[in-house]
Amino acid sequence: MAEYITVEAAVGHIKSGNRVFIQGGAATPLYLINALLARAGEINDVELTCISLYGNINWRSEEVMNRFYLNSLFASSNVRDWVNSGRGGFVPVFLSEIGRLFDKGILPLDVAMIQVSMPDAHGYCTLGPSVDVTMSAVRNAKKIIAQVNPLMPRVYGEGLIHASKIDAMVWQKAELQELDFSSKLNEQSREIGRHVASIIEDGSTLQMGIGAIPDAVLSCLDNHKGLGIHTEMFSDGIVPLVEKGVITNEHKKIHRGKIISSFVLGTKKVYDFINGNQFVNCLEASYVNDTSVIRKNPKMVAVNSAIEIDLTGQVCADSIGTCQYSGIGGQMDFMRGASLSEGGKPVIALPSVTNKGVSRIVPFLKQGAGVVTTRGHIQYVATEYGLVNLYGKNLEQRAKLLIGIAHPDHRESLEREYFERFSKPCKV
């Protein structure tokens, strides 16, 4: 078993020209990241790649920007400006396929920087709440540098790594990164939650993202029975439903009796819940988000959000015009998987307007915006003003339905755009 060394010695394994994977989510190894960036005067041309990172990362200096390049697979808020700068980039890819980039050598990795639990009596650490694409990175990186944290929960599933496989181990006791959306629950999100909950049947299996709307949906399910969870991630909102016996996983066809996820992100409450809990398994995203796996559970309900949706049903969920805001993630994996499930329901749930009052239901997506869910994959759409099903509807019917759940302040302008588009013949 490797001995603990200083953080400076650990990141000293990283050389100029290396590509370095960084574990994300609750397990973002901040101690290692900031120690590496502090070496900006010593090394050059280092590429960092990751999904969502959390915490205070000290990247905002000319020296760091000149020596490091961030090639992001999902842009999180703390590095969003970096991703959109001249020293950053974004790879559009489904979460289910990121592991393949590492496995097939499309993105060969020199180093993986991770955070793990303490080794057990047999020398095994776990990746805690962030297995996702990290396990594939660990499997393929030439060197592994680990921040060993006694506060990291031990999570069942596929996130095991033996300490003998780790090239450098640094001891760092630190609270995990937390996200708490409870303060953002308002009447708007609760109303959206009620609309979505109205189509969730007893015995359904759920995929929920993170944020106020997924938590609002979950808060409306107290009277449901026999729900299951198969999701790319979950947060605090499922814990009360487990405690009340609403989530039992008894009707799932695969992994019956288990909550299946690829990562967990929330507050200490949910981290304590997953610690040593055999009811929860964190598996690789390449499996969890595989459409052929998702569809095996009947009544699969996938609830995802969006930045904007046009009147034909095209969903932009990852960018604001040409500015990269987040990433493709697992939205399409689960939207398609749910639609193929027996009795499944894919749902896009979003507020009708932005915080500035701009309509999220629009005639056309912004120039340069990315389409994450195509109009061929869209089915249910919910705002605080209602829920509609676009499946099997033509373009004109879809536009009418979406206008009906737009904010009242914007319906007149959307009606004018509707008239302009559909009242005149189109010459091809």
Protein backbone atom coordinates (compact mmCIF):
# COMPACT_ATOMS: atom_id res chain seq x y z
CA MET A 1 0.00 0.00 0.00
CA ALA A 2 1.33 3.43 -0.94
CA GLU A 3 2.33 5.70 1.92
CA TYR A 4 0.83 9.14 2.38
CA ILE A 5 2.92 11.93 0.90
CA THR A 6 2.61 15.71 0.72
CA VAL A 7 0.21 17.23 -1.76
CA GLU A 8 3.13 18.96 -3.48
CA ALA A 9 4.89 15.64 -3.98
CA ALA A 10 1.69 14.04 -5.24
CA VAL A 11 0.96 16.60 -7.96
CA GLY A 12 4.68 16.47 -8.81
CA HIS A 13 3.81 13.29 -10.73
CA ILE A 14 2.10 15.49 -13.33
CA LYS A 15 4.37 16.61 -16.16
CA SER A 16 4.12 19.15 -18.97
CA GLY A 17 1.94 17.90 -21.83
CA ASN A 18 -0.10 15.54 -19.65
CA ARG A 19 -3.85 15.09 -19.93
CA VAL A 20 -5.31 14.94 -16.41
CA PHE A 21 -8.80 13.71 -15.52
CA ILE A 22 -10.37 15.30 -12.43
CA GLN A 23 -13.17 13.59 -10.52
CA GLY A 24 -16.16 15.86 -10.07
CA GLY A 25 -19.38 16.28 -8.14
CA ALA A 26 -19.33 15.96 -4.36
CA ALA A 27 -15.91 14.28 -4.61
CA THR A 28 -14.14 17.13 -6.42
CA PRO A 29 -10.55 16.85 -5.04
CA LEU A 30 -10.01 20.56 -4.37
CA TYR A 31 -6.85 20.02 -2.34
CA LEU A 32 -5.18 18.31 -5.30
CA ILE A 33 -6.58 20.67 -7.94
CA ASN A 34 -5.36 23.85 -6.28
CA ALA A 35 -1.96 22.31 -5.51
CA LEU A 36 -1.63 21.40 -9.18
CA LEU A 37 -2.63 24.86 -10.38
CA ALA A 38 -0.08 26.35 -7.98
CA ARG A 39 2.57 24.65 -10.15
CA ALA A 40 1.69 26.88 -13.11
CA GLY A 41 5.18 28.39 -13.06
CA GLU A 42 6.83 24.96 -13.38
CA ILE A 43 4.82 23.05 -16.00
CA ASN A 44 3.18 23.87 -19.29
CA ASP A 45 0.60 22.62 -21.78
CA VAL A 46 -1.37 20.54 -19.26
CA GLU A 47 -4.90 19.59 -20.34
CA LEU A 48 -7.52 19.08 -17.65
CA THR A 49 -10.71 17.15 -18.46
CA CYS A 50 -13.72 16.60 -16.21
CA ILE A 51 -17.46 16.66 -15.80
CA SER A 52 -19.00 19.00 -13.17
CA LEU A 53 -16.53 20.40 -10.65
CA TYR A 54 -17.60 22.04 -7.38
CA GLY A 55 -15.88 24.28 -4.86
CA ASN A 56 -13.43 27.17 -5.00
CA ILE A 57 -10.89 26.46 -7.73
CA ASN A 58 -8.04 28.97 -8.00
CA TRP A 59 -7.85 29.19 -11.79
CA ARG A 60 -8.35 32.93 -12.33
CA SER A 61 -4.78 34.01 -13.00
CA GLU A 62 -2.92 34.73 -16.22
CA GLU A 63 -0.26 32.19 -15.35
CA VAL A 64 -2.77 29.36 -14.85
CA MET A 65 -4.65 30.30 -18.00
CA ASN A 66 -1.43 30.30 -20.02
CA ARG A 67 -0.19 26.93 -18.75
CA PHE A 68 -3.39 24.89 -18.37
CA TYR A 69 -6.20 24.13 -20.81
CA LEU A 70 -9.65 23.00 -19.57
CA ASN A 71 -11.31 20.56 -21.96
CA SER A 72 -14.65 20.15 -20.23
CA LEU A 73 -17.20 17.38 -20.72
CA PHE A 74 -19.80 19.35 -18.69
CA ALA A 75 -19.38 23.02 -17.76
CA SER A 76 -20.11 23.76 -14.10
CA SER A 77 -20.63 27.27 -12.75
CA ASN A 78 -17.22 27.61 -11.05
CA VAL A 79 -15.31 27.02 -14.29
CA ARG A 80 -17.89 28.19 -16.84
CA ASP A 81 -15.92 31.31 -17.74
CA TRP A 82 -12.81 29.17 -18.22
CA VAL A 83 -14.65 26.77 -20.54
CA ASN A 84 -15.85 29.72 -22.62
CA SER A 85 -12.45 31.42 -22.75
CA GLY A 86 -9.69 30.99 -25.28
CA ARG A 87 -8.06 28.49 -22.92
CA GLY A 88 -11.08 26.26 -22.56
CA GLY A 89 -13.22 23.97 -24.66
CA PHE A 90 -16.29 21.76 -24.49
CA VAL A 91 -16.86 18.23 -25.75
CA PRO A 92 -20.53 17.54 -26.59
CA VAL A 93 -21.12 13.93 -25.55
CA PHE A 94 -23.75 11.85 -23.78
CA LEU A 95 -22.84 10.97 -20.21
CA SER A 96 -23.31 7.30 -21.14
CA GLU A 97 -20.50 7.57 -23.71
CA ILE A 98 -17.82 9.50 -21.81
CA GLY A 99 -16.33 6.31 -20.40
CA ARG A 100 -15.97 5.06 -23.96
CA LEU A 101 -13.74 8.05 -24.79
CA PHE A 102 -11.32 6.80 -22.14
CA ASP A 103 -11.76 3.06 -22.78
CA LYS A 104 -11.12 3.40 -26.51
CA GLY A 105 -8.21 5.81 -26.17
CA ILE A 106 -10.05 8.65 -27.91
CA LEU A 107 -9.12 10.78 -24.90
CA PRO A 108 -6.07 8.93 -23.50
CA LEU A 109 -5.35 9.87 -19.89
CA ASP A 110 -1.95 10.31 -18.31
CA VAL A 111 -3.25 10.97 -14.80
CA ALA A 112 -6.51 10.66 -12.86
CA MET A 113 -6.92 12.88 -9.78
CA ILE A 114 -9.57 11.48 -7.48
CA GLN A 115 -10.91 11.60 -3.92
CA VAL A 116 -11.56 8.35 -2.06
CA SER A 117 -12.62 6.96 1.28
CA MET A 118 -10.09 5.51 3.69
CA PRO A 119 -8.87 2.01 2.79
CA ASP A 120 -10.76 -0.73 4.62
CA ALA A 121 -9.12 -3.69 6.38
CA HIS A 122 -8.48 -5.26 2.97
CA GLY A 123 -7.02 -2.13 1.39
CA TYR A 124 -10.07 -1.11 -0.64
CA CYS A 125 -11.15 2.52 -1.00
CA THR A 126 -14.37 3.69 -2.65
CA LEU A 127 -15.01 6.61 -4.95
CA GLY A 128 -17.82 7.61 -2.60
CA PRO A 129 -20.77 9.38 -4.23
CA SER A 130 -19.08 9.96 -7.63
CA VAL A 131 -18.56 6.76 -9.63
CA ASP A 132 -20.11 8.13 -12.87
CA VAL A 133 -17.26 8.35 -15.44
CA THR A 134 -14.52 8.33 -12.81
CA MET A 135 -14.20 4.55 -12.68
CA SER A 136 -13.41 4.46 -16.38
CA ALA A 137 -10.81 7.19 -15.91
CA VAL A 138 -9.21 5.22 -13.05
CA ARG A 139 -9.18 2.11 -15.22
CA ASN A 140 -7.40 3.85 -18.08
CA ALA A 141 -5.09 6.48 -16.56
CA LYS A 142 -1.38 5.72 -16.46
CA LYS A 143 -1.13 7.20 -12.96
CA ILE A 144 -3.67 7.70 -10.16
CA ILE A 145 -3.33 10.42 -7.55
CA ALA A 146 -5.81 10.19 -4.67
CA GLN A 147 -6.95 12.54 -1.94
CA VAL A 148 -7.87 10.17 0.91
CA ASN A 149 -10.65 11.63 3.02
CA PRO A 150 -11.89 10.03 6.26
CA LEU A 151 -15.19 11.89 5.79
CA MET A 152 -15.84 10.29 2.40
CA PRO A 153 -18.80 7.88 2.62
CA ARG A 154 -18.24 4.27 1.65
CA VAL A 155 -20.74 3.55 -1.11
CA TYR A 156 -21.68 0.13 -2.48
CA GLY A 157 -21.47 -0.58 -6.19
CA GLU A 158 -18.67 -0.29 -8.72
CA GLY A 159 -16.55 2.42 -7.13
CA LEU A 160 -13.97 0.18 -5.47
CA ILE A 161 -10.25 0.80 -5.96
CA HIS A 162 -7.48 -0.97 -4.08
CA ALA A 163 -4.89 1.28 -2.47
CA SER A 164 -2.13 -0.68 -4.21
CA LYS A 165 -3.38 0.70 -7.55
CA ILE A 166 -2.90 4.29 -6.41
CA ASP A 167 0.43 5.88 -7.30
CA ALA A 168 0.26 8.77 -4.83
CA MET A 169 -1.94 9.17 -1.75
CA VAL A 170 -2.53 12.42 0.14
CA TRP A 171 -4.39 12.56 3.46
CA GLN A 172 -6.90 15.40 3.63
CA LYS A 173 -9.88 15.53 5.98
CA ALA A 174 -12.50 17.76 4.37
CA GLU A 175 -16.27 18.04 4.14
CA LEU A 176 -17.69 16.97 0.79
CA GLN A 177 -18.99 19.57 -1.64
CA GLU A 178 -22.65 20.31 -0.92
CA LEU A 179 -25.56 21.68 -2.93
CA ASP A 180 -28.82 22.61 -1.23
CA PHE A 181 -31.81 23.62 -3.35
CA SER A 182 -34.37 23.68 -0.52
CA SER A 183 -34.22 27.47 -0.32
CA LYS A 184 -35.13 27.70 -4.03
CA LEU A 185 -38.38 25.80 -3.64
CA ASN A 186 -41.14 28.33 -4.36
CA GLU A 187 -44.74 28.25 -5.52
CA GLN A 188 -43.66 28.19 -9.16
CA SER A 189 -41.52 25.06 -8.75
CA ARG A 190 -44.15 23.44 -6.52
CA GLU A 191 -46.80 23.99 -9.18
CA ILE A 192 -44.55 22.40 -11.80
CA GLY A 193 -43.96 19.55 -9.36
CA ARG A 194 -47.69 18.99 -8.96
CA HIS A 195 -48.22 18.84 -12.72
CA VAL A 196 -45.45 16.28 -13.20
CA ALA A 197 -46.50 14.23 -10.17
CA SER A 198 -50.00 13.94 -11.63
CA ILE A 199 -48.76 11.59 -14.38
CA ILE A 200 -46.53 9.44 -12.15
CA GLU A 201 -48.23 6.14 -11.40
CA ASP A 202 -47.69 3.84 -8.44
CA GLY A 203 -44.90 1.39 -9.20
CA SER A 204 -43.05 3.83 -11.49
CA THR A 205 -39.26 4.00 -11.65
CA LEU A 206 -37.89 7.53 -11.54
CA GLN A 207 -34.98 9.50 -12.92
CA MET A 208 -34.65 12.98 -11.48
CA GLY A 209 -31.95 15.55 -11.97
CA ILE A 210 -30.82 18.11 -9.42
CA GLY A 211 -32.50 21.37 -8.54
CA ALA A 212 -35.68 22.88 -7.19
CA ILE A 213 -38.00 21.28 -9.77
CA PRO A 214 -36.94 17.64 -9.20
CA ASP A 215 -37.18 18.22 -5.44
CA ALA A 216 -40.63 19.77 -5.94
CA VAL A 217 -41.78 16.72 -7.91
CA LEU A 218 -40.51 14.37 -5.21
CA SER A 219 -42.24 16.40 -2.50
CA CYS A 220 -45.57 15.70 -4.24
CA LEU A 221 -45.19 11.90 -4.15
CA ASP A 222 -45.89 11.20 -0.46
CA ASN A 223 -49.07 9.27 -1.26
CA HIS A 224 -47.56 7.11 -3.99
CA LYS A 225 -46.67 3.46 -3.52
CA GLY A 226 -43.86 1.19 -4.64
CA LEU A 227 -41.72 3.74 -6.47
CA GLY A 228 -38.25 2.86 -7.69
CA ILE A 229 -35.12 4.83 -8.54
CA HIS A 230 -32.85 4.28 -11.55
CA THR A 231 -31.16 7.60 -12.23
CA GLU A 232 -27.89 9.16 -13.28
CA MET A 233 -27.89 11.12 -10.01
CA PHE A 234 -30.02 11.90 -6.99
CA SER A 235 -30.07 14.40 -4.17
CA ASP A 236 -31.72 14.97 -0.79
CA GLY A 237 -35.27 14.79 -2.13
CA ILE A 238 -35.47 11.01 -2.21
CA VAL A 239 -34.45 10.47 1.42
CA PRO A 240 -37.85 11.35 2.99
CA LEU A 241 -39.61 9.10 0.45
CA VAL A 242 -37.38 6.18 1.43
CA GLU A 243 -38.04 6.86 5.11
CA LYS A 244 -41.81 6.95 4.48
CA GLY A 245 -41.76 3.69 2.53
CA VAL A 246 -42.76 5.32 -0.76
CA ILE A 247 -39.53 4.34 -2.51
CA THR A 248 -39.16 0.56 -2.23
CA ASN A 249 -37.84 -0.44 -5.69
CA GLU A 250 -40.07 -3.52 -5.48
CA HIS A 251 -41.52 -3.21 -8.99
CA LYS A 252 -38.26 -2.74 -10.89
CA LYS A 253 -37.32 -5.45 -13.35
CA ILE A 254 -33.57 -4.94 -12.90
CA HIS A 255 -31.81 -4.26 -9.60
CA ARG A 256 -35.06 -4.89 -7.78
CA GLY A 257 -34.86 -3.63 -4.22
CA LYS A 258 -31.98 -1.25 -4.96
CA ILE A 259 -31.62 2.45 -5.72
CA ILE A 260 -29.32 2.69 -8.75
CA SER A 261 -27.39 5.85 -9.55
CA SER A 262 -24.05 6.88 -11.02
CA PHE A 263 -23.47 9.77 -8.60
CA VAL A 264 -25.04 11.56 -5.65
CA LEU A 265 -24.91 15.30 -5.01
CA GLY A 266 -26.66 17.19 -2.23
CA THR A 267 -26.11 17.95 1.44
CA LYS A 268 -24.59 16.00 4.33
CA LYS A 269 -28.03 14.49 4.87
CA VAL A 270 -27.88 12.48 1.65
CA TYR A 271 -24.17 11.65 2.09
CA ASP A 272 -24.95 10.16 5.50
CA PHE A 273 -27.86 8.27 3.91
CA ILE A 274 -25.66 6.53 1.32
CA ASN A 275 -22.77 5.77 3.68
CA GLY A 276 -22.58 1.99 4.09
CA ASN A 277 -26.19 1.67 2.84
CA GLN A 278 -26.68 -1.50 0.79
CA PHE A 279 -30.01 -0.10 -0.44
CA VAL A 280 -27.97 2.24 -2.69
CA ASN A 281 -25.59 1.17 -5.46
CA CYS A 282 -23.51 3.68 -7.44
CA LEU A 283 -22.53 2.18 -10.80
CA GLU A 284 -20.75 3.44 -13.90
CA ALA A 285 -22.70 5.90 -16.05
CA SER A 286 -21.97 3.80 -19.14
CA TYR A 287 -24.30 1.20 -17.64
CA VAL A 288 -26.74 3.30 -15.62
CA ASN A 289 -27.40 5.62 -18.58
CA ASP A 290 -27.52 2.91 -21.21
CA THR A 291 -30.86 3.23 -23.00
CA SER A 292 -31.15 -0.55 -23.33
CA VAL A 293 -30.86 -0.83 -19.54
CA ILE A 294 -33.16 2.08 -18.69
CA ARG A 295 -35.99 0.76 -20.85
CA LYS A 296 -36.10 -2.56 -18.96
CA ASN A 297 -37.87 -0.95 -16.02
CA PRO A 298 -41.59 -0.45 -16.74
CA LYS A 299 -43.25 2.91 -16.11
CA MET A 300 -39.91 4.68 -16.32
CA VAL A 301 -40.43 8.41 -15.71
CA ALA A 302 -37.54 10.70 -16.64
CA VAL A 303 -37.78 14.32 -15.51
CA ASN A 304 -35.27 16.77 -16.97
CA SER A 305 -35.08 20.51 -17.38
CA ALA A 306 -34.15 22.96 -20.12
CA ILE A 307 -32.90 26.45 -20.78
CA GLU A 308 -35.43 26.99 -23.57
CA ILE A 309 -37.74 25.07 -25.89
CA ASP A 310 -38.93 26.21 -29.28
CA LEU A 311 -42.48 25.91 -30.61
CA THR A 312 -41.66 22.70 -32.49
CA GLY A 313 -40.32 20.95 -29.38
CA GLN A 314 -36.57 21.36 -29.80
CA VAL A 315 -34.94 21.50 -26.37
CA CYS A 316 -31.81 23.50 -25.58
CA ALA A 317 -30.47 22.40 -22.20
CA ASP A 318 -26.74 23.08 -22.36
CA SER A 319 -26.05 26.51 -23.85
CA ILE A 320 -27.23 30.10 -24.03
CA GLY A 321 -26.68 30.90 -27.65
CA THR A 322 -23.02 30.13 -28.34
CA CYS A 323 -22.07 30.34 -24.65
CA GLN A 324 -21.61 26.91 -23.06
CA TYR A 325 -23.66 26.82 -19.87
CA SER A 326 -23.60 23.16 -18.77
CA GLY A 327 -23.49 20.02 -20.90
CA ILE A 328 -25.47 17.30 -22.63
CA GLY A 329 -25.17 15.03 -19.61
CA GLY A 330 -27.66 12.21 -19.37
CA GLN A 331 -30.81 13.98 -20.56
CA MET A 332 -31.09 12.18 -23.89
CA ASP A 333 -30.02 8.86 -22.40
CA PHE A 334 -33.02 8.94 -20.08
CA MET A 335 -35.48 10.72 -22.35
CA ARG A 336 -35.05 7.96 -24.92
CA GLY A 337 -34.86 5.18 -22.34
CA ALA A 338 -38.10 6.32 -20.70
CA SER A 339 -39.90 6.62 -24.02
CA LEU A 340 -39.00 3.01 -24.87
CA SER A 341 -40.01 1.71 -21.43
CA GLU A 342 -43.41 -0.01 -21.17
CA GLY A 343 -45.68 2.76 -19.91
CA GLY A 344 -42.72 5.16 -19.65
CA LYS A 345 -42.95 8.94 -19.71
CA PRO A 346 -40.12 11.34 -20.67
CA VAL A 347 -40.73 14.84 -19.26
CA ILE A 348 -39.11 18.22 -19.79
CA ALA A 349 -40.04 20.49 -16.86
CA LEU A 350 -39.08 24.14 -16.79
CA PRO A 351 -40.29 27.51 -15.48
CA SER A 352 -42.17 29.48 -18.11
CA VAL A 353 -39.80 32.44 -17.79
CA THR A 354 -36.25 33.21 -16.68
CA ASN A 355 -35.47 35.21 -13.54
CA LYS A 356 -35.52 38.29 -15.77
CA GLY A 357 -38.99 37.50 -17.13
CA VAL A 358 -37.84 36.26 -20.54
CA SER A 359 -39.96 33.46 -21.98
CA ARG A 360 -38.35 30.02 -22.03
CA ILE A 361 -40.85 28.92 -24.66
CA VAL A 362 -39.61 30.62 -27.80
CA PRO A 363 -40.39 30.75 -31.54
CA PHE A 364 -36.77 29.85 -32.35
CA LEU A 365 -33.82 28.81 -30.24
CA LYS A 366 -31.10 31.43 -29.86
CA GLN A 367 -28.56 31.54 -32.65
CA GLY A 368 -25.82 29.04 -31.85
CA ALA A 369 -27.87 27.20 -29.21
CA GLY A 370 -27.35 23.45 -28.95
CA VAL A 371 -30.23 20.99 -29.29
CA VAL A 372 -29.96 18.36 -26.57
CA THR A 373 -33.37 16.72 -26.93
CA THR A 374 -34.64 16.75 -30.50
CA ARG A 375 -38.22 17.36 -31.49
CA GLY A 376 -38.36 13.72 -32.50
CA HIS A 377 -37.69 12.65 -28.91
CA ILE A 378 -39.85 15.14 -27.01
CA GLN A 379 -43.05 14.01 -25.29
CA TYR A 380 -44.29 15.67 -22.08
CA VAL A 381 -43.52 19.32 -21.32
CA ALA A 382 -44.48 21.01 -18.04
CA THR A 383 -44.38 24.58 -16.77
CA GLU A 384 -46.20 26.10 -13.81
CA TYR A 385 -49.11 26.73 -16.21
CA GLY A 386 -49.74 23.12 -17.12
CA LEU A 387 -48.49 19.93 -18.72
CA VAL A 388 -48.86 18.91 -22.38
CA ASN A 389 -47.96 15.84 -24.41
CA LEU A 390 -46.42 16.60 -27.80
CA TYR A 391 -46.00 12.97 -28.84
CA GLY A 392 -47.66 12.31 -32.20
CA LYS A 393 -48.59 15.97 -32.66
CA ASN A 394 -47.69 17.90 -35.81
CA LEU A 395 -45.73 21.14 -35.68
CA GLU A 396 -48.79 23.37 -35.64
CA GLN A 397 -50.48 21.35 -32.89
CA ARG A 398 -47.30 21.40 -30.82
CA ALA A 399 -47.02 25.17 -31.10
CA LYS A 400 -50.60 25.62 -29.87
CA LEU A 401 -50.04 23.31 -26.91
CA LEU A 402 -46.80 25.01 -25.89
CA ILE A 403 -48.30 28.48 -26.16
CA GLY A 404 -51.00 27.28 -23.78
CA ILE A 405 -48.44 26.62 -21.02
CA ALA A 406 -46.29 29.70 -21.71
CA HIS A 407 -46.38 32.65 -19.33
CA PRO A 408 -49.50 34.77 -20.00
CA ASP A 409 -47.34 37.85 -20.58
CA HIS A 410 -45.75 36.16 -23.60
CA ARG A 411 -48.66 34.30 -25.15
CA GLU A 412 -49.73 37.16 -27.44
CA SER A 413 -46.27 37.52 -28.99
CA LEU A 414 -45.99 33.75 -29.37
CA GLU A 415 -49.40 33.70 -31.07
CA ARG A 416 -48.15 36.30 -33.56
CA GLU A 417 -45.09 34.17 -34.29
CA TYR A 418 -47.36 31.15 -34.65
CA PHE A 419 -49.55 32.98 -37.15
CA GLU A 420 -46.53 34.22 -39.10
CA ARG A 421 -45.11 30.73 -39.36
CA PHE A 422 -48.15 28.64 -40.08
CA SER A 423 -50.49 30.96 -42.00
CA LYS A 424 -48.22 31.43 -44.98
CA PRO A 425 -47.19 28.74 -47.46
CA CYS A 426 -43.54 27.76 -47.38
CA LYS A 427 -41.76 27.55 -50.71
CA VAL A 428 -39.00 24.95 -50.82
